[in-house]
Amino acid sequence: PRQEADTTAPETALVEASFAPETQAREPRKRGGLFSR
């Protein structure tokens, strides 16, 4: 079971990460101009 858990852990982590809400502010994309955020 430990080997099976190791092989499925990355897929599970990816699925959980895709549905997990963000709790930290995202860094905005860099844009040129006077009002680049």
Full PDB file with SEQRES, HELIX, SHEET, SSBOND, CRYST1, ORIGX, SCALE, CONECT and MASTER records, all heavy atoms in Angstrom:
SEQRES   1 A   37  PRO ARG GLN GLU ALA ASP THR THR ALA PRO GLU THR ALA          
SEQRES   2 A   37  LEU VAL GLU ALA SER PHE ALA PRO GLU THR GLN ALA ARG          
SEQRES   3 A   37  GLU PRO ARG LYS ARG GLY GLY LEU PHE SER ARG                  
HELIX    1 AA1 ARG A    2  PHE A   19  1                                  18    
CRYST1    1.000    1.000    1.000  90.00  90.00  90.00 P 1           1          
ORIGX1      1.000000  0.000000  0.000000        0.00000                         
ORIGX2      0.000000  1.000000  0.000000        0.00000                         
ORIGX3      0.000000  0.000000  1.000000        0.00000                         
SCALE1      1.000000  0.000000  0.000000        0.00000                         
SCALE2      0.000000  1.000000  0.000000        0.00000                         
SCALE3      0.000000  0.000000  1.000000        0.00000                         
ATOM      1  N   PRO A   1       0.805  -1.223   0.000  1.00  0.00           N  
ATOM      2  CA  PRO A   1       0.000   0.000   0.000  1.00  0.00           C  
ATOM      3  C   PRO A   1       0.832   1.263   0.000  1.00  0.00           C  
ATOM      4  O   PRO A   1       0.442   2.266  -0.573  1.00  0.00           O  
ATOM      5  CB  PRO A   1      -0.819  -0.128   1.290  1.00  0.00           C  
ATOM      6  CG  PRO A   1      -0.796  -1.567   1.627  1.00  0.00           C  
ATOM      7  CD  PRO A   1       0.520  -2.063   1.139  1.00  0.00           C  
ATOM      8  N   ARG A   2       2.026   1.227   0.674  1.00  0.00           N  
ATOM      9  CA  ARG A   2       2.861   2.431   0.710  1.00  0.00           C  
ATOM     10  C   ARG A   2       3.333   2.777  -0.689  1.00  0.00           C  
ATOM     11  O   ARG A   2       3.372   3.929  -1.098  1.00  0.00           O  
ATOM     12  CB  ARG A   2       4.041   2.217   1.640  1.00  0.00           C  
ATOM     13  CG  ARG A   2       4.851   3.487   1.852  1.00  0.00           C  
ATOM     14  CD  ARG A   2       6.069   3.239   2.724  1.00  0.00           C  
ATOM     15  NE  ARG A   2       5.705   2.748   4.034  1.00  0.00           N  
ATOM     16  CZ  ARG A   2       5.936   1.517   4.438  1.00  0.00           C  
ATOM     17  NH1 ARG A   2       6.554   0.654   3.647  1.00  0.00           N  
ATOM     18  NH2 ARG A   2       5.583   1.121   5.655  1.00  0.00           N  
ATOM     19  N   GLN A   3       3.717   1.759  -1.491  1.00  0.00           N  
ATOM     20  CA  GLN A   3       4.150   2.018  -2.855  1.00  0.00           C  
ATOM     21  C   GLN A   3       3.001   2.535  -3.692  1.00  0.00           C  
ATOM     22  O   GLN A   3       3.159   3.437  -4.508  1.00  0.00           O  
ATOM     23  CB  GLN A   3       4.722   0.744  -3.468  1.00  0.00           C  
ATOM     24  CG  GLN A   3       6.008   0.275  -2.784  1.00  0.00           C  
ATOM     25  CD  GLN A   3       6.501  -1.026  -3.363  1.00  0.00           C  
ATOM     26  OE1 GLN A   3       5.839  -1.615  -4.226  1.00  0.00           O  
ATOM     27  NE2 GLN A   3       7.641  -1.505  -2.889  1.00  0.00           N  
ATOM     28  N   GLU A   4       1.797   1.963  -3.516  1.00  0.00           N  
ATOM     29  CA  GLU A   4       0.646   2.455  -4.253  1.00  0.00           C  
ATOM     30  C   GLU A   4       0.327   3.878  -3.864  1.00  0.00           C  
ATOM     31  O   GLU A   4      -0.029   4.708  -4.697  1.00  0.00           O  
ATOM     32  CB  GLU A   4      -0.558   1.554  -3.995  1.00  0.00           C  
ATOM     33  CG  GLU A   4      -0.357   0.132  -4.540  1.00  0.00           C  
ATOM     34  CD  GLU A   4      -1.530  -0.742  -4.226  1.00  0.00           C  
ATOM     35  OE1 GLU A   4      -2.435  -0.259  -3.489  1.00  0.00           O  
ATOM     36  OE2 GLU A   4      -1.585  -1.890  -4.703  1.00  0.00           O  
ATOM     37  N   ALA A   5       0.472   4.195  -2.556  1.00  0.00           N  
ATOM     38  CA  ALA A   5       0.196   5.562  -2.109  1.00  0.00           C  
ATOM     39  C   ALA A   5       1.201   6.532  -2.687  1.00  0.00           C  
ATOM     40  O   ALA A   5       0.865   7.651  -3.060  1.00  0.00           O  
ATOM     41  CB  ALA A   5       0.208   5.636  -0.580  1.00  0.00           C  
ATOM     42  N   ASP A   6       2.485   6.088  -2.823  1.00  0.00           N  
ATOM     43  CA  ASP A   6       3.493   6.980  -3.382  1.00  0.00           C  
ATOM     44  C   ASP A   6       3.229   7.268  -4.847  1.00  0.00           C  
ATOM     45  O   ASP A   6       3.472   8.372  -5.337  1.00  0.00           O  
ATOM     46  CB  ASP A   6       4.885   6.359  -3.211  1.00  0.00           C  
ATOM     47  CG  ASP A   6       5.291   6.277  -1.754  1.00  0.00           C  
ATOM     48  OD1 ASP A   6       4.690   6.994  -0.945  1.00  0.00           O  
ATOM     49  OD2 ASP A   6       6.196   5.480  -1.435  1.00  0.00           O  
ATOM     50  N   THR A   7       2.707   6.248  -5.582  1.00  0.00           N  
ATOM     51  CA  THR A   7       2.476   6.466  -7.000  1.00  0.00           C  
ATOM     52  C   THR A   7       1.256   7.311  -7.256  1.00  0.00           C  
ATOM     53  O   THR A   7       1.175   8.015  -8.261  1.00  0.00           O  
ATOM     54  CB  THR A   7       2.309   5.109  -7.703  1.00  0.00           C  
ATOM     55  OG1 THR A   7       1.242   4.367  -7.056  1.00  0.00           O  
ATOM     56  CG2 THR A   7       3.605   4.296  -7.606  1.00  0.00           C  
ATOM     57  N   THR A   8       0.263   7.271  -6.353  1.00  0.00           N  
ATOM     58  CA  THR A   8      -0.956   8.047  -6.558  1.00  0.00           C  
ATOM     59  C   THR A   8      -0.913   9.386  -5.868  1.00  0.00           C  
ATOM     60  O   THR A   8      -1.771  10.218  -6.107  1.00  0.00           O  
ATOM     61  CB  THR A   8      -2.159   7.252  -6.031  1.00  0.00           C  
ATOM     62  OG1 THR A   8      -1.952   6.958  -4.644  1.00  0.00           O  
ATOM     63  CG2 THR A   8      -2.327   5.952  -6.816  1.00  0.00           C  
ATOM     64  N   ALA A   9       0.092   9.593  -4.967  1.00  0.00           N  
ATOM     65  CA  ALA A   9       0.132  10.862  -4.232  1.00  0.00           C  
ATOM     66  C   ALA A   9       0.273  12.068  -5.137  1.00  0.00           C  
ATOM     67  O   ALA A   9      -0.417  13.055  -4.948  1.00  0.00           O  
ATOM     68  CB  ALA A   9       1.259  10.822  -3.195  1.00  0.00           C  
ATOM     69  N   PRO A  10       1.169  12.049  -6.166  1.00  0.00           N  
ATOM     70  CA  PRO A  10       1.278  13.242  -7.002  1.00  0.00           C  
ATOM     71  C   PRO A  10       0.000  13.592  -7.713  1.00  0.00           C  
ATOM     72  O   PRO A  10      -0.380  14.755  -7.819  1.00  0.00           O  
ATOM     73  CB  PRO A  10       2.400  12.857  -7.985  1.00  0.00           C  
ATOM     74  CG  PRO A  10       3.173  11.809  -7.286  1.00  0.00           C  
ATOM     75  CD  PRO A  10       2.173  11.046  -6.467  1.00  0.00           C  
ATOM     76  N   GLU A  11      -0.752  12.541  -8.229  1.00  0.00           N  
ATOM     77  CA  GLU A  11      -2.000  12.842  -8.909  1.00  0.00           C  
ATOM     78  C   GLU A  11      -3.012  13.430  -7.945  1.00  0.00           C  
ATOM     79  O   GLU A  11      -3.730  14.384  -8.266  1.00  0.00           O  
ATOM     80  CB  GLU A  11      -2.554  11.559  -9.545  1.00  0.00           C  
ATOM     81  CG  GLU A  11      -1.602  10.979 -10.607  1.00  0.00           C  
ATOM     82  CD  GLU A  11      -2.171   9.718 -11.206  1.00  0.00           C  
ATOM     83  OE1 GLU A  11      -3.277   9.313 -10.768  1.00  0.00           O  
ATOM     84  OE2 GLU A  11      -1.531   9.138 -12.102  1.00  0.00           O  
ATOM     85  N   THR A  12      -3.085  12.861  -6.732  1.00  0.00           N  
ATOM     86  CA  THR A  12      -4.018  13.388  -5.744  1.00  0.00           C  
ATOM     87  C   THR A  12      -3.680  14.812  -5.372  1.00  0.00           C  
ATOM     88  O   THR A  12      -4.551  15.667  -5.218  1.00  0.00           O  
ATOM     89  CB  THR A  12      -3.989  12.501  -4.488  1.00  0.00           C  
ATOM     90  OG1 THR A  12      -4.232  11.155  -4.865  1.00  0.00           O  
ATOM     91  CG2 THR A  12      -5.040  12.958  -3.496  1.00  0.00           C  
ATOM     92  N   ALA A  13      -2.354  15.075  -5.228  1.00  0.00           N  
ATOM     93  CA  ALA A  13      -1.954  16.433  -4.872  1.00  0.00           C  
ATOM     94  C   ALA A  13      -2.321  17.422  -5.968  1.00  0.00           C  
ATOM     95  O   ALA A  13      -2.751  18.541  -5.694  1.00  0.00           O  
ATOM     96  CB  ALA A  13      -0.446  16.474  -4.613  1.00  0.00           C  
ATOM     97  N   LEU A  14      -2.199  16.990  -7.243  1.00  0.00           N  
ATOM     98  CA  LEU A  14      -2.547  17.895  -8.334  1.00  0.00           C  
ATOM     99  C   LEU A  14      -4.031  18.183  -8.355  1.00  0.00           C  
ATOM    100  O   LEU A  14      -4.468  19.316  -8.577  1.00  0.00           O  
ATOM    101  CB  LEU A  14      -2.108  17.274  -9.669  1.00  0.00           C  
ATOM    102  CG  LEU A  14      -0.590  17.202  -9.910  1.00  0.00           C  
ATOM    103  CD1 LEU A  14      -0.303  16.470 -11.209  1.00  0.00           C  
ATOM    104  CD2 LEU A  14       0.004  18.603  -9.949  1.00  0.00           C  
ATOM    105  N   VAL A  15      -4.847  17.130  -8.098  1.00  0.00           N  
ATOM    106  CA  VAL A  15      -6.298  17.338  -8.094  1.00  0.00           C  
ATOM    107  C   VAL A  15      -6.705  18.248  -6.959  1.00  0.00           C  
ATOM    108  O   VAL A  15      -7.519  19.168  -7.123  1.00  0.00           O  
ATOM    109  CB  VAL A  15      -7.016  15.975  -7.987  1.00  0.00           C  
ATOM    110  CG1 VAL A  15      -8.511  16.179  -7.824  1.00  0.00           C  
ATOM    111  CG2 VAL A  15      -6.737  15.149  -9.220  1.00  0.00           C  
ATOM    112  N   GLU A  16      -6.126  18.007  -5.760  1.00  0.00           N  
ATOM    113  CA  GLU A  16      -6.478  18.851  -4.625  1.00  0.00           C  
ATOM    114  C   GLU A  16      -6.032  20.288  -4.848  1.00  0.00           C  
ATOM    115  O   GLU A  16      -6.728  21.231  -4.494  1.00  0.00           O  
ATOM    116  CB  GLU A  16      -5.832  18.292  -3.355  1.00  0.00           C  
ATOM    117  CG  GLU A  16      -6.426  16.956  -2.930  1.00  0.00           C  
ATOM    118  CD  GLU A  16      -5.744  16.439  -1.691  1.00  0.00           C  
ATOM    119  OE1 GLU A  16      -4.742  17.069  -1.267  1.00  0.00           O  
ATOM    120  OE2 GLU A  16      -6.197  15.421  -1.140  1.00  0.00           O  
ATOM    121  N   ALA A  17      -4.849  20.449  -5.466  1.00  0.00           N  
ATOM    122  CA  ALA A  17      -4.364  21.805  -5.694  1.00  0.00           C  
ATOM    123  C   ALA A  17      -5.230  22.550  -6.697  1.00  0.00           C  
ATOM    124  O   ALA A  17      -5.408  23.767  -6.604  1.00  0.00           O  
ATOM    125  CB  ALA A  17      -2.916  21.768  -6.178  1.00  0.00           C  
ATOM    126  N   SER A  18      -5.793  21.822  -7.684  1.00  0.00           N  
ATOM    127  CA  SER A  18      -6.604  22.499  -8.685  1.00  0.00           C  
ATOM    128  C   SER A  18      -7.916  23.001  -8.119  1.00  0.00           C  
ATOM    129  O   SER A  18      -8.483  23.978  -8.610  1.00  0.00           O  
ATOM    130  CB  SER A  18      -6.882  21.532  -9.852  1.00  0.00           C  
ATOM    131  OG  SER A  18      -7.601  20.411  -9.389  1.00  0.00           O  
ATOM    132  N   PHE A  19      -8.433  22.346  -7.060  1.00  0.00           N  
ATOM    133  CA  PHE A  19      -9.685  22.775  -6.457  1.00  0.00           C  
ATOM    134  C   PHE A  19      -9.492  23.594  -5.192  1.00  0.00           C  
ATOM    135  O   PHE A  19     -10.448  24.121  -4.654  1.00  0.00           O  
ATOM    136  CB  PHE A  19     -10.556  21.539  -6.120  1.00  0.00           C  
ATOM    137  CG  PHE A  19     -11.141  20.897  -7.349  1.00  0.00           C  
ATOM    138  CD1 PHE A  19     -10.524  19.798  -7.907  1.00  0.00           C  
ATOM    139  CD2 PHE A  19     -12.265  21.407  -7.954  1.00  0.00           C  
ATOM    140  CE1 PHE A  19     -11.044  19.199  -9.038  1.00  0.00           C  
ATOM    141  CE2 PHE A  19     -12.789  20.813  -9.093  1.00  0.00           C  
ATOM    142  CZ  PHE A  19     -12.180  19.711  -9.631  1.00  0.00           C  
ATOM    143  N   ALA A  20      -8.251  23.654  -4.684  1.00  0.00           N  
ATOM    144  CA  ALA A  20      -8.018  24.387  -3.439  1.00  0.00           C  
ATOM    145  C   ALA A  20      -8.085  25.884  -3.696  1.00  0.00           C  
ATOM    146  O   ALA A  20      -7.460  26.388  -4.629  1.00  0.00           O  
ATOM    147  CB  ALA A  20      -6.652  24.026  -2.863  1.00  0.00           C  
ATOM    148  N   PRO A  21      -8.824  26.640  -2.897  1.00  0.00           N  
ATOM    149  CA  PRO A  21      -8.886  28.093  -3.085  1.00  0.00           C  
ATOM    150  C   PRO A  21      -7.598  28.751  -2.650  1.00  0.00           C  
ATOM    151  O   PRO A  21      -6.896  28.277  -1.773  1.00  0.00           O  
ATOM    152  CB  PRO A  21     -10.056  28.505  -2.178  1.00  0.00           C  
ATOM    153  CG  PRO A  21     -10.101  27.465  -1.125  1.00  0.00           C  
ATOM    154  CD  PRO A  21      -9.680  26.176  -1.788  1.00  0.00           C  
ATOM    155  N   GLU A  22      -7.307  29.876  -3.283  1.00  0.00           N  
ATOM    156  CA  GLU A  22      -6.109  30.628  -2.926  1.00  0.00           C  
ATOM    157  C   GLU A  22      -6.385  31.464  -1.695  1.00  0.00           C  
ATOM    158  O   GLU A  22      -7.417  32.116  -1.590  1.00  0.00           O  
ATOM    159  CB  GLU A  22      -5.691  31.535  -4.082  1.00  0.00           C  
ATOM    160  CG  GLU A  22      -5.178  30.785  -5.279  1.00  0.00           C  
ATOM    161  CD  GLU A  22      -4.630  31.752  -6.310  1.00  0.00           C  
ATOM    162  OE1 GLU A  22      -3.601  32.381  -6.038  1.00  0.00           O  
ATOM    163  OE2 GLU A  22      -5.256  31.885  -7.360  1.00  0.00           O  
ATOM    164  N   THR A  23      -5.460  31.398  -0.755  1.00  0.00           N  
ATOM    165  CA  THR A  23      -5.602  32.193   0.471  1.00  0.00           C  
ATOM    166  C   THR A  23      -4.604  33.333   0.521  1.00  0.00           C  
ATOM    167  O   THR A  23      -4.661  34.152   1.423  1.00  0.00           O  
ATOM    168  CB  THR A  23      -5.405  31.296   1.700  1.00  0.00           C  
ATOM    169  OG1 THR A  23      -4.130  30.680   1.620  1.00  0.00           O  
ATOM    170  CG2 THR A  23      -6.490  30.226   1.750  1.00  0.00           C  
ATOM    171  N   GLN A  24      -3.670  33.375  -0.429  1.00  0.00           N  
ATOM    172  CA  GLN A  24      -2.695  34.447  -0.455  1.00  0.00           C  
ATOM    173  C   GLN A  24      -2.873  35.255  -1.733  1.00  0.00           C  
ATOM    174  O   GLN A  24      -3.355  34.758  -2.746  1.00  0.00           O  
ATOM    175  CB  GLN A  24      -1.275  33.885  -0.404  1.00  0.00           C  
ATOM    176  CG  GLN A  24      -0.980  33.130   0.890  1.00  0.00           C  
ATOM    177  CD  GLN A  24       0.433  32.632   0.909  1.00  0.00           C  
ATOM    178  OE1 GLN A  24       1.149  32.734  -0.072  1.00  0.00           O  
ATOM    179  NE2 GLN A  24       0.842  32.083   2.041  1.00  0.00           N  
ATOM    180  N   ALA A  25      -2.476  36.508  -1.646  1.00  0.00           N  
ATOM    181  CA  ALA A  25      -2.617  37.393  -2.798  1.00  0.00           C  
ATOM    182  C   ALA A  25      -1.694  36.948  -3.920  1.00  0.00           C  
ATOM    183  O   ALA A  25      -0.561  36.537  -3.688  1.00  0.00           O  
ATOM    184  CB  ALA A  25      -2.288  38.822  -2.388  1.00  0.00           C  
ATOM    185  N   ARG A  26      -2.208  36.985  -5.135  1.00  0.00           N  
ATOM    186  CA  ARG A  26      -1.392  36.639  -6.279  1.00  0.00           C  
ATOM    187  C   ARG A  26      -0.566  37.843  -6.692  1.00  0.00           C  
ATOM    188  O   ARG A  26      -1.009  38.977  -6.611  1.00  0.00           O  
ATOM    189  CB  ARG A  26      -2.276  36.227  -7.457  1.00  0.00           C  
ATOM    190  CG  ARG A  26      -3.197  35.059  -7.159  1.00  0.00           C  
ATOM    191  CD  ARG A  26      -4.112  34.833  -8.329  1.00  0.00           C  
ATOM    192  NE  ARG A  26      -5.099  33.801  -8.041  1.00  0.00           N  
ATOM    193  CZ  ARG A  26      -6.103  33.506  -8.846  1.00  0.00           C  
ATOM    194  NH1 ARG A  26      -6.273  34.160  -9.965  1.00  0.00           N  
ATOM    195  NH2 ARG A  26      -6.961  32.568  -8.528  1.00  0.00           N  
ATOM    196  N   GLU A  27       0.639  37.545  -7.160  1.00  0.00           N  
ATOM    197  CA  GLU A  27       1.480  38.636  -7.645  1.00  0.00           C  
ATOM    198  C   GLU A  27       0.982  39.049  -9.011  1.00  0.00           C  
ATOM    199  O   GLU A  27       0.840  38.216  -9.922  1.00  0.00           O  
ATOM    200  CB  GLU A  27       2.936  38.177  -7.745  1.00  0.00           C  
ATOM    201  CG  GLU A  27       3.873  39.303  -8.126  1.00  0.00           C  
ATOM    202  CD  GLU A  27       5.310  38.851  -8.131  1.00  0.00           C  
ATOM    203  OE1 GLU A  27       5.541  37.708  -7.735  1.00  0.00           O  
ATOM    204  OE2 GLU A  27       6.175  39.649  -8.523  1.00  0.00           O  
ATOM    205  N   PRO A  28       0.653  40.313  -9.217  1.00  0.00           N  
ATOM    206  CA  PRO A  28       0.101  40.759 -10.499  1.00  0.00           C  
ATOM    207  C   PRO A  28       1.117  40.668 -11.613  1.00  0.00           C  
ATOM    208  O   PRO A  28       2.324  40.695 -11.389  1.00  0.00           O  
ATOM    209  CB  PRO A  28      -0.299  42.218 -10.223  1.00  0.00           C  
ATOM    210  CG  PRO A  28       0.588  42.640  -9.104  1.00  0.00           C  
ATOM    211  CD  PRO A  28       0.796  41.415  -8.265  1.00  0.00           C  
ATOM    212  N   ARG A  29       0.617  40.528 -12.816  1.00  0.00           N  
ATOM    213  CA  ARG A  29       1.493  40.500 -13.983  1.00  0.00           C  
ATOM    214  C   ARG A  29       2.116  41.867 -14.192  1.00  0.00           C  
ATOM    215  O   ARG A  29       1.499  42.897 -13.955  1.00  0.00           O  
ATOM    216  CB  ARG A  29       0.697  40.094 -15.224  1.00  0.00           C  
ATOM    217  CG  ARG A  29       0.104  38.702 -15.159  1.00  0.00           C  
ATOM    218  CD  ARG A  29      -0.521  38.337 -16.494  1.00  0.00           C  
ATOM    219  NE  ARG A  29      -1.565  39.288 -16.867  1.00  0.00           N  
ATOM    220  CZ  ARG A  29      -2.830  39.154 -16.507  1.00  0.00           C  
ATOM    221  NH1 ARG A  29      -3.183  38.154 -15.735  1.00  0.00           N  
ATOM    222  NH2 ARG A  29      -3.737  40.041 -16.900  1.00  0.00           N  
ATOM    223  N   LYS A  30       3.370  41.854 -14.633  1.00  0.00           N  
ATOM    224  CA  LYS A  30       4.072  43.105 -14.872  1.00  0.00           C  
ATOM    225  C   LYS A  30       3.648  43.673 -16.213  1.00  0.00           C  
ATOM    226  O   LYS A  30       3.650  42.978 -17.230  1.00  0.00           O  
ATOM    227  CB  LYS A  30       5.591  42.877 -14.854  1.00  0.00           C  
ATOM    228  CG  LYS A  30       6.119  42.432 -13.501  1.00  0.00           C  
ATOM    229  CD  LYS A  30       7.611  42.266 -13.528  1.00  0.00           C  
ATOM    230  CE  LYS A  30       8.138  41.843 -12.168  1.00  0.00           C  
ATOM    231  NZ  LYS A  30       9.603  41.684 -12.170  1.00  0.00           N  
ATOM    232  N   ARG A  31       3.273  44.945 -16.207  1.00  0.00           N  
ATOM    233  CA  ARG A  31       2.886  45.626 -17.418  1.00  0.00           C  
ATOM    234  C   ARG A  31       3.568  46.989 -17.465  1.00  0.00           C  
ATOM    235  O   ARG A  31       3.850  47.599 -16.443  1.00  0.00           O  
ATOM    236  CB  ARG A  31       1.356  45.822 -17.478  1.00  0.00           C  
ATOM    237  CG  ARG A  31       0.580  44.516 -17.464  1.00  0.00           C  
ATOM    238  CD  ARG A  31      -0.886  44.765 -17.574  1.00  0.00           C  
ATOM    239  NE  ARG A  31      -1.221  45.473 -18.803  1.00  0.00           N  
ATOM    240  CZ  ARG A  31      -2.463  45.811 -19.138  1.00  0.00           C  
ATOM    241  NH1 ARG A  31      -3.459  45.507 -18.342  1.00  0.00           N  
ATOM    242  NH2 ARG A  31      -2.701  46.461 -20.257  1.00  0.00           N  
ATOM    243  N   GLY A  32       3.799  47.464 -18.683  1.00  0.00           N  
ATOM    244  CA  GLY A  32       4.446  48.751 -18.844  1.00  0.00           C  
ATOM    245  C   GLY A  32       3.443  49.882 -18.680  1.00  0.00           C  
ATOM    246  O   GLY A  32       2.232  49.677 -18.598  1.00  0.00           O  
ATOM    247  N   GLY A  33       3.944  51.071 -18.617  1.00  0.00           N  
ATOM    248  CA  GLY A  33       3.062  52.229 -18.522  1.00  0.00           C  
ATOM    249  C   GLY A  33       3.090  52.848 -17.148  1.00  0.00           C  
ATOM    250  O   GLY A  33       3.653  52.304 -16.185  1.00  0.00           O  
ATOM    251  N   LEU A  34       2.404  53.971 -17.044  1.00  0.00           N  
ATOM    252  CA  LEU A  34       2.381  54.718 -15.788  1.00  0.00           C  
ATOM    253  C   LEU A  34       1.693  53.948 -14.680  1.00  0.00           C  
ATOM    254  O   LEU A  34       2.058  54.032 -13.519  1.00  0.00           O  
ATOM    255  CB  LEU A  34       1.680  56.056 -16.022  1.00  0.00           C  
ATOM    256  CG  LEU A  34       1.490  56.957 -14.795  1.00  0.00           C  
ATOM    257  CD1 LEU A  34       2.860  57.346 -14.230  1.00  0.00           C  
ATOM    258  CD2 LEU A  34       0.678  58.198 -15.166  1.00  0.00           C  
ATOM    259  N   PHE A  35       0.666  53.150 -15.038  1.00  0.00           N  
ATOM    260  CA  PHE A  35      -0.143  52.491 -14.018  1.00  0.00           C  
ATOM    261  C   PHE A  35       0.137  50.990 -13.976  1.00  0.00           C  
ATOM    262  O   PHE A  35      -0.760  50.195 -13.779  1.00  0.00           O  
ATOM    263  CB  PHE A  35      -1.634  52.740 -14.303  1.00  0.00           C  
ATOM    264  CG  PHE A  35      -1.987  54.198 -14.286  1.00  0.00           C  
ATOM    265  CD1 PHE A  35      -2.110  54.902 -15.475  1.00  0.00           C  
ATOM    266  CD2 PHE A  35      -2.164  54.852 -13.096  1.00  0.00           C  
ATOM    267  CE1 PHE A  35      -2.432  56.247 -15.456  1.00  0.00           C  
ATOM    268  CE2 PHE A  35      -2.489  56.197 -13.077  1.00  0.00           C  
ATOM    269  CZ  PHE A  35      -2.617  56.905 -14.267  1.00  0.00           C  
ATOM    270  N   SER A  36       1.367  50.595 -14.221  1.00  0.00           N  
ATOM    271  CA  SER A  36       1.735  49.186 -14.096  1.00  0.00           C  
ATOM    272  C   SER A  36       1.564  48.769 -12.644  1.00  0.00           C  
ATOM    273  O   SER A  36       2.002  49.451 -11.729  1.00  0.00           O  
ATOM    274  CB  SER A  36       3.188  48.978 -14.535  1.00  0.00           C  
ATOM    275  OG  SER A  36       4.053  49.759 -13.740  1.00  0.00           O  
ATOM    276  N   ARG A  37       0.902  47.604 -12.467  1.00  0.00           N  
ATOM    277  CA  ARG A  37       0.552  47.156 -11.113  1.00  0.00           C  
ATOM    278  C   ARG A  37       1.645  46.256 -10.570  1.00  0.00           C  
ATOM    279  O   ARG A  37       1.614  45.046 -10.711  1.00  0.00           O  
ATOM    280  CB  ARG A  37      -0.790  46.420 -11.138  1.00  0.00           C  
ATOM    281  CG  ARG A  37      -1.953  47.318 -11.505  1.00  0.00           C  
ATOM    282  CD  ARG A  37      -2.271  48.247 -10.362  1.00  0.00           C  
ATOM    283  NE  ARG A  37      -2.919  47.522  -9.303  1.00  0.00           N  
ATOM    284  CZ  ARG A  37      -3.133  48.017  -8.103  1.00  0.00           C  
ATOM    285  NH1 ARG A  37      -2.723  49.226  -7.813  1.00  0.00           N  
ATOM    286  NH2 ARG A  37      -3.751  47.311  -7.193  1.00  0.00           N  
TER     287      ARG A  37                                                      
MASTER        0    0    0    1    0    0    0    6  286    1    0    3          
END                                                                             
